[in-house]
Protein backbone atom coordinates (compact mmCIF):
# COMPACT_ATOMS: atom_id res chain seq x y z
CA MET A 1 45.22 -29.05 -20.87
CA THR A 2 44.37 -26.05 -18.68
CA PRO A 3 40.73 -25.01 -18.27
CA LEU A 4 41.40 -21.88 -20.30
CA PHE A 5 42.24 -23.88 -23.42
CA ARG A 6 39.82 -26.76 -22.87
CA ARG A 7 37.74 -27.69 -25.92
CA PRO A 8 34.15 -26.41 -25.65
CA ALA A 9 31.62 -29.12 -24.83
CA ARG A 10 29.71 -30.43 -27.80
CA ALA A 11 26.11 -29.36 -27.99
CA ASP A 12 23.58 -32.07 -27.24
CA PRO A 13 21.24 -32.21 -30.28
CA ALA A 14 18.47 -33.82 -28.23
CA ALA A 15 18.70 -31.16 -25.52
CA GLU A 16 18.67 -28.39 -28.11
CA GLN A 17 15.63 -29.91 -29.77
CA ARG A 18 13.80 -30.11 -26.44
CA ALA A 19 14.69 -26.50 -25.67
CA GLU A 20 13.38 -25.36 -29.08
CA GLU A 21 10.19 -27.35 -28.58
CA SER A 22 9.73 -25.82 -25.11
CA GLU A 23 10.13 -22.35 -26.59
CA ARG A 24 7.54 -23.11 -29.28
CA ARG A 25 5.09 -24.36 -26.67
CA LEU A 26 5.59 -21.28 -24.48
CA ALA A 27 5.06 -19.02 -27.50
CA ALA A 28 1.73 -20.78 -28.04
CA GLY A 29 0.78 -20.23 -24.37
CA GLY A 30 1.64 -23.80 -23.32
CA LEU A 31 4.08 -25.61 -21.02
CA PRO A 32 7.75 -26.57 -21.40
CA VAL A 33 8.50 -30.16 -22.38
CA ALA A 34 9.88 -31.25 -18.99
CA ALA A 35 6.81 -29.98 -17.13
CA SER A 36 4.44 -31.77 -19.51
CA GLU A 37 6.35 -35.05 -19.15
CA ARG A 38 6.37 -34.91 -15.34
CA LEU A 39 2.67 -34.13 -15.14
CA ALA A 40 1.72 -36.76 -17.71
CA ALA A 41 3.43 -39.39 -15.55
CA LEU A 42 1.17 -38.41 -12.64
CA ALA A 43 -1.96 -39.07 -14.70
CA THR A 44 -1.56 -42.83 -14.29
CA GLY A 45 -1.56 -42.57 -10.48
CA GLY A 46 0.62 -44.43 -8.02
CA ALA A 47 2.91 -41.49 -7.20
CA ALA A 48 2.86 -39.66 -3.87
CA PHE A 49 0.92 -36.41 -4.21
CA GLY A 50 1.91 -32.91 -3.18
CA SER A 51 -0.60 -30.16 -2.36
CA ASP A 52 -1.04 -26.87 -0.55
CA LEU A 53 -4.19 -28.15 1.19
CA GLU A 54 -4.45 -27.71 4.92
CA VAL A 55 -5.12 -30.82 7.01
CA SER A 56 -8.78 -29.88 7.53
CA GLU A 57 -9.23 -29.23 3.79
CA TYR A 58 -7.68 -32.57 2.85
CA ALA A 59 -9.85 -34.48 5.33
CA LEU A 60 -13.05 -32.71 4.32
CA LEU A 61 -12.52 -33.12 0.57
CA GLY A 62 -11.69 -36.77 1.16
CA ARG A 63 -15.18 -37.28 2.59
CA LEU A 64 -16.58 -36.21 -0.79
CA GLY A 65 -14.31 -38.63 -2.63
CA ILE A 66 -12.05 -35.85 -3.90
CA THR A 67 -8.43 -36.95 -4.15
CA PRO A 68 -5.43 -34.62 -4.67
CA ILE A 69 -2.95 -35.31 -7.47
CA THR A 70 -0.29 -32.63 -7.33
CA LEU A 71 0.40 -28.94 -6.91
CA VAL A 72 0.01 -27.13 -10.24
CA MET A 73 1.14 -23.69 -11.33
CA GLY A 74 0.82 -21.26 -14.19
CA SER A 75 3.07 -18.25 -14.69
CA SER A 76 3.55 -15.40 -17.13
CA ILE A 77 5.82 -12.35 -17.18
CA TYR A 78 4.32 -9.94 -19.68
CA HIS A 79 5.74 -6.70 -21.05
CA VAL A 80 3.12 -3.97 -21.23
CA GLY A 81 3.71 -1.66 -24.19
CA TRP A 82 3.84 2.13 -24.26
CA GLN A 83 1.17 4.56 -25.33
CA GLY A 84 1.84 8.25 -25.91
CA GLY A 85 0.80 10.31 -22.89
CA MET A 86 -1.20 12.85 -24.91
CA GLY A 87 -3.56 10.05 -25.86
CA TYR A 88 -5.17 9.98 -22.43
CA THR A 89 -4.13 12.99 -20.36
CA PHE A 90 -7.15 15.22 -21.07
CA ALA A 91 -10.09 12.81 -20.86
CA ALA A 92 -11.14 10.26 -18.28
CA GLY A 93 -11.38 6.68 -19.48
CA GLU A 94 -9.90 3.21 -19.43
CA ILE A 95 -6.28 2.86 -20.54
CA ASP A 96 -6.93 -0.04 -22.87
CA PHE A 97 -3.33 -1.06 -23.48
CA LEU A 98 -2.66 -1.36 -19.73
CA SER A 99 -5.90 -3.22 -19.00
CA SER A 100 -5.38 -5.64 -21.89
CA GLY A 101 -1.77 -6.26 -20.82
CA HIS A 102 -2.82 -7.27 -17.30
CA ASN A 103 -5.72 -9.41 -18.54
CA GLU A 104 -3.61 -11.21 -21.17
CA CYS A 105 -0.89 -11.92 -18.61
CA ARG A 106 -3.45 -13.42 -16.21
CA ARG A 107 -5.05 -15.39 -19.06
CA LEU A 108 -1.70 -16.95 -19.95
CA ALA A 109 -0.98 -17.84 -16.31
CA LEU A 110 -4.41 -19.43 -15.78
CA GLY A 111 -4.17 -21.16 -19.17
CA ARG A 112 -0.89 -22.81 -18.16
CA LEU A 113 -2.37 -23.77 -14.79
CA LEU A 114 -5.29 -25.37 -16.63
CA GLU A 115 -2.94 -27.20 -19.02
CA GLU A 116 -0.92 -28.59 -16.10
CA ALA A 117 -4.15 -29.81 -14.50
CA SER A 118 -5.39 -31.42 -17.71
CA THR A 119 -2.02 -33.06 -18.36
CA CYS A 120 -1.98 -34.81 -14.98
CA GLY A 121 -5.56 -36.04 -15.47
CA ALA A 122 -7.25 -33.68 -13.02
CA ASP A 123 -10.96 -32.87 -13.03
CA ALA A 124 -10.54 -29.61 -11.11
CA VAL A 125 -8.09 -27.30 -9.36
CA VAL A 126 -9.11 -26.07 -5.90
CA GLY A 127 -7.74 -23.27 -3.76
CA VAL A 128 -6.36 -21.35 -6.75
CA ARG A 129 -4.55 -18.22 -5.64
CA ILE A 130 -3.15 -15.60 -7.98
CA GLU A 131 -0.22 -13.40 -7.07
CA GLN A 132 0.63 -10.30 -9.07
CA GLY A 133 3.88 -8.37 -9.06
CA GLY A 134 6.63 -6.68 -11.00
CA HIS A 135 10.42 -6.74 -11.11
CA ASP A 136 13.15 -4.11 -11.09
CA TRP A 137 14.98 -6.01 -13.81
CA ALA A 138 11.95 -5.89 -16.11
CA PRO A 139 10.54 -2.33 -16.01
CA GLY A 140 7.15 -2.05 -17.63
CA ALA A 141 6.43 -5.75 -17.09
CA VAL A 142 3.73 -7.41 -15.00
CA GLU A 143 3.79 -10.97 -13.63
CA PHE A 144 0.92 -13.26 -12.66
CA ILE A 145 1.49 -16.57 -10.85
CA ALA A 146 -1.45 -18.94 -10.35
CA VAL A 147 -1.07 -21.86 -7.92
CA GLY A 148 -3.54 -24.52 -6.76
CA THR A 149 -4.06 -28.22 -6.07
CA ALA A 150 -5.16 -30.46 -8.94
CA VAL A 151 -7.74 -33.04 -7.83
CA ARG A 152 -9.82 -35.93 -9.13
CA LEU A 153 -13.55 -35.63 -8.51
CA PRO A 154 -16.21 -38.29 -7.89
CA ALA A 155 -18.61 -38.97 -10.74
CA ALA A 156 -21.32 -36.70 -9.32
CA LEU A 157 -19.03 -33.65 -9.39
CA LYS A 158 -17.28 -34.18 -12.72
CA SER A 159 -17.83 -31.74 -15.60
CA GLU A 160 -17.03 -31.81 -19.29
CA ARG A 161 -14.02 -29.54 -18.69
CA THR A 162 -11.43 -29.08 -15.96
CA VAL A 163 -12.85 -26.61 -13.42
CA LEU A 164 -10.78 -23.93 -11.68
CA THR A 165 -11.92 -22.45 -8.38
CA ASP A 166 -10.29 -20.15 -5.83
CA LEU A 167 -12.46 -21.63 -3.06
CA SER A 168 -10.87 -23.40 -0.11
CA GLY A 169 -11.65 -27.05 0.56
CA GLN A 170 -14.16 -26.12 3.26
CA GLU A 171 -15.91 -23.62 0.99
CA TYR A 172 -16.04 -26.17 -1.84
CA TRP A 173 -17.65 -28.71 0.48
CA LYS A 174 -20.23 -26.21 1.76
CA LEU A 175 -21.31 -25.26 -1.75
CA CYS A 176 -21.70 -28.88 -2.84
CA SER A 177 -23.69 -29.70 0.30
CA ALA A 178 -26.04 -26.84 -0.60
CA GLY A 179 -26.57 -28.09 -4.14
CA VAL A 180 -24.32 -25.52 -5.76
CA ARG A 181 -21.61 -26.47 -8.27
CA PRO A 182 -18.46 -24.37 -8.84
CA VAL A 183 -17.94 -24.07 -12.63
CA GLY A 184 -14.88 -21.82 -13.08
CA ILE A 185 -13.00 -18.64 -12.27
CA ALA A 186 -13.93 -15.16 -13.49
CA ALA A 187 -11.39 -12.32 -13.27
CA HIS A 188 -10.67 -8.94 -14.82
CA THR A 189 -8.43 -5.90 -14.45
CA SER A 190 -9.48 -2.38 -15.37
CA VAL A 191 -6.90 0.44 -15.47
CA TYR A 192 -8.68 3.79 -15.49
CA TYR A 193 -7.24 7.27 -16.04
CA VAL A 194 -8.67 10.35 -14.31
CA PRO A 195 -7.38 13.83 -15.16
CA ALA A 196 -7.52 16.25 -12.23
CA SER A 197 -10.36 18.77 -12.53
CA TRP A 198 -9.84 22.44 -11.81
CA GLN A 199 -11.34 21.94 -8.33
CA THR A 200 -8.92 19.08 -7.63
CA GLN A 201 -5.97 21.07 -8.92
CA MET A 202 -6.86 23.91 -6.56
CA ALA A 203 -7.12 21.43 -3.67
CA GLN A 204 -3.76 19.93 -4.59
CA GLY A 205 -2.08 23.30 -5.02
CA GLY A 206 -2.73 24.76 -1.58
CA GLY A 207 -1.07 28.09 -0.90
CA MET A 208 -2.75 31.50 -1.00
CA PHE A 209 -4.69 30.92 -4.22
CA GLY A 210 -5.47 27.25 -3.71
CA SER A 211 -8.20 25.58 -1.67
CA GLY A 212 -6.06 22.90 -0.05
CA TRP A 213 -6.73 24.39 3.37
CA THR A 214 -10.38 23.24 3.31
CA ASN A 215 -11.80 19.73 3.73
CA GLN A 216 -13.38 18.55 0.48
CA GLU A 217 -14.00 15.45 -1.59
CA LEU A 218 -12.06 15.06 -4.83
CA ARG A 219 -15.18 14.03 -6.70
CA ASP A 220 -13.50 13.39 -10.05
CA PHE A 221 -11.09 10.92 -8.44
CA THR A 222 -13.94 9.25 -6.54
CA GLN A 223 -15.88 8.92 -9.77
CA GLY A 224 -12.81 7.38 -11.43
CA VAL A 225 -12.65 4.63 -8.81
CA TYR A 226 -16.36 3.87 -9.33
CA ALA A 227 -15.90 3.81 -13.13
CA ALA A 228 -12.99 1.36 -12.86
CA ARG A 229 -15.03 -0.88 -10.57
CA GLU A 230 -18.09 -0.88 -12.82
CA THR A 231 -15.95 -1.77 -15.84
CA ALA A 232 -14.29 -4.67 -14.03
CA MET A 233 -17.56 -5.99 -12.57
CA SER A 234 -19.31 -5.86 -15.95
CA TYR A 235 -16.61 -8.14 -17.38
CA LEU A 236 -16.95 -10.44 -14.36
CA SER A 237 -20.70 -10.79 -15.00
CA ALA A 238 -20.11 -11.45 -18.71
CA GLN A 239 -17.63 -14.24 -17.91
CA ALA A 240 -20.14 -15.81 -15.51
CA ARG A 241 -22.74 -15.88 -18.29
CA GLU A 242 -20.25 -17.48 -20.67
CA LEU A 243 -19.78 -20.30 -18.13
CA ASP A 244 -23.58 -20.67 -17.81
CA GLY A 245 -23.30 -19.64 -14.17
CA HIS A 246 -25.88 -18.10 -11.88
CA GLY A 247 -23.48 -15.85 -9.99
CA VAL A 248 -19.99 -15.28 -8.61
CA VAL A 249 -19.04 -15.97 -4.98
CA GLY A 250 -16.00 -15.09 -2.93
CA VAL A 251 -15.24 -12.03 -5.06
CA LYS A 252 -11.92 -10.49 -4.07
CA ILE A 253 -11.09 -6.88 -4.89
CA ASP A 254 -7.58 -5.48 -5.13
CA GLN A 255 -7.28 -1.78 -5.91
CA HIS A 256 -4.15 0.33 -6.45
CA ASN A 257 -3.97 4.06 -7.09
CA SER A 258 -0.98 5.93 -8.48
CA GLY A 259 -0.34 9.50 -9.52
CA HIS A 260 0.62 10.71 -12.99
CA ARG A 261 2.18 14.16 -13.27
CA VAL A 262 1.27 16.20 -16.33
CA ALA A 263 3.05 19.46 -17.19
CA GLY A 264 2.62 21.86 -20.08
CA LEU A 265 2.90 25.53 -20.94
CA GLY A 266 2.01 27.33 -17.74
CA TYR A 267 0.32 24.45 -15.94
CA GLU A 268 1.13 21.35 -13.92
CA ARG A 269 -1.20 18.87 -12.30
CA GLU A 270 -1.28 15.41 -10.65
CA ASP A 271 -3.74 13.01 -12.32
CA LEU A 272 -4.88 9.63 -11.02
CA ILE A 273 -4.48 6.09 -12.42
CA VAL A 274 -6.74 3.49 -10.82
CA THR A 275 -5.94 -0.23 -11.21
CA PHE A 276 -8.90 -2.37 -10.18
CA ASN A 277 -8.58 -6.18 -10.00
CA VAL A 278 -11.51 -8.54 -9.31
CA ILE A 279 -11.63 -12.35 -9.14
CA GLY A 280 -14.16 -14.90 -7.92
CA THR A 281 -15.63 -18.35 -8.47
CA VAL A 282 -18.59 -18.78 -10.83
CA ILE A 283 -21.32 -21.08 -9.49
CA ARG A 284 -24.37 -22.85 -10.83
CA GLU A 285 -27.29 -24.00 -8.66
CA GLU A 286 -28.06 -27.71 -9.08
CA PRO A 287 -30.47 -28.93 -6.36
CA GLY A 288 -30.14 -32.53 -7.55
CA LEU A 289 -26.47 -32.48 -6.57
CA VAL A 290 -27.39 -32.94 -2.90
CA GLU A 291 -29.14 -36.25 -3.62
CA GLU A 292 -26.19 -37.53 -5.65
CA LEU A 293 -23.78 -36.67 -2.84
CA ALA A 294 -26.09 -37.76 -0.02
CA PRO A 295 -24.02 -40.82 1.04
CA ALA A 296 -20.87 -38.75 1.38
CA LEU A 297 -22.57 -35.80 3.06
CA ALA A 298 -24.29 -38.04 5.60
CA THR A 299 -20.98 -39.29 6.97
CA LEU A 300 -19.92 -35.89 8.26
CA SER A 301 -21.55 -33.87 11.01
CA LEU A 302 -20.73 -30.18 11.17
């Protein structure tokens, strides 16, 4: 029988059931079935590990009794909804639906990273890096990918929950040797809208009646950047308090600005949209940690 008239392959009930279960788990913010099974097998040990640790990181963490398990990942592609332009084109302020879309997407990615780590029996994930992007084939969508190395910790460093940190192996070691414990990741995105003031419009317009020919600060846009930063940092501090932390180290800032053209009856202007991302590792000072780790710390001379 020619390929054109070949009978269609029968559906595999077991495969369909697994696919449906994977979809249910993803809808709940979890992992597909195959990923959970592979990671659960690693929890018993005995398998060769994979990691993105550098040689120096691996050697240094090994001195503390920290052993890698596997590379773990969390991902989410999230569609950000639409809000009518007139809702925010005449007043400065945070664009809540954009901010919440970014933060929910990151939360899902980090949640899946954490689930992968828990499934393989990890006590922590070190060197977590988060990449953000978009795709031409999914306009209006944002993607977050979180990647790190799942590790087992010695008894002195274990916590009640799996700890995520974006610190490198060397940074992790330095904190522990100073009696400071990493307790989690704090992150937030604030998207802030700034309508152009009359002064800014004149500076943008140029020409005979504009003021674009003079040097001047666009103070409303500057203020918008500060407002976005303060919003993001306030959330970062709140997350640190929720984790019972004393502060946040290694804070990374990623800022993007884009224009938004507004036109009406007899006017046209270019407003500003500020996207401000912050992320860092929450820490807690525990002086007694140095004594507990003393044997391991004594074996290494910096």
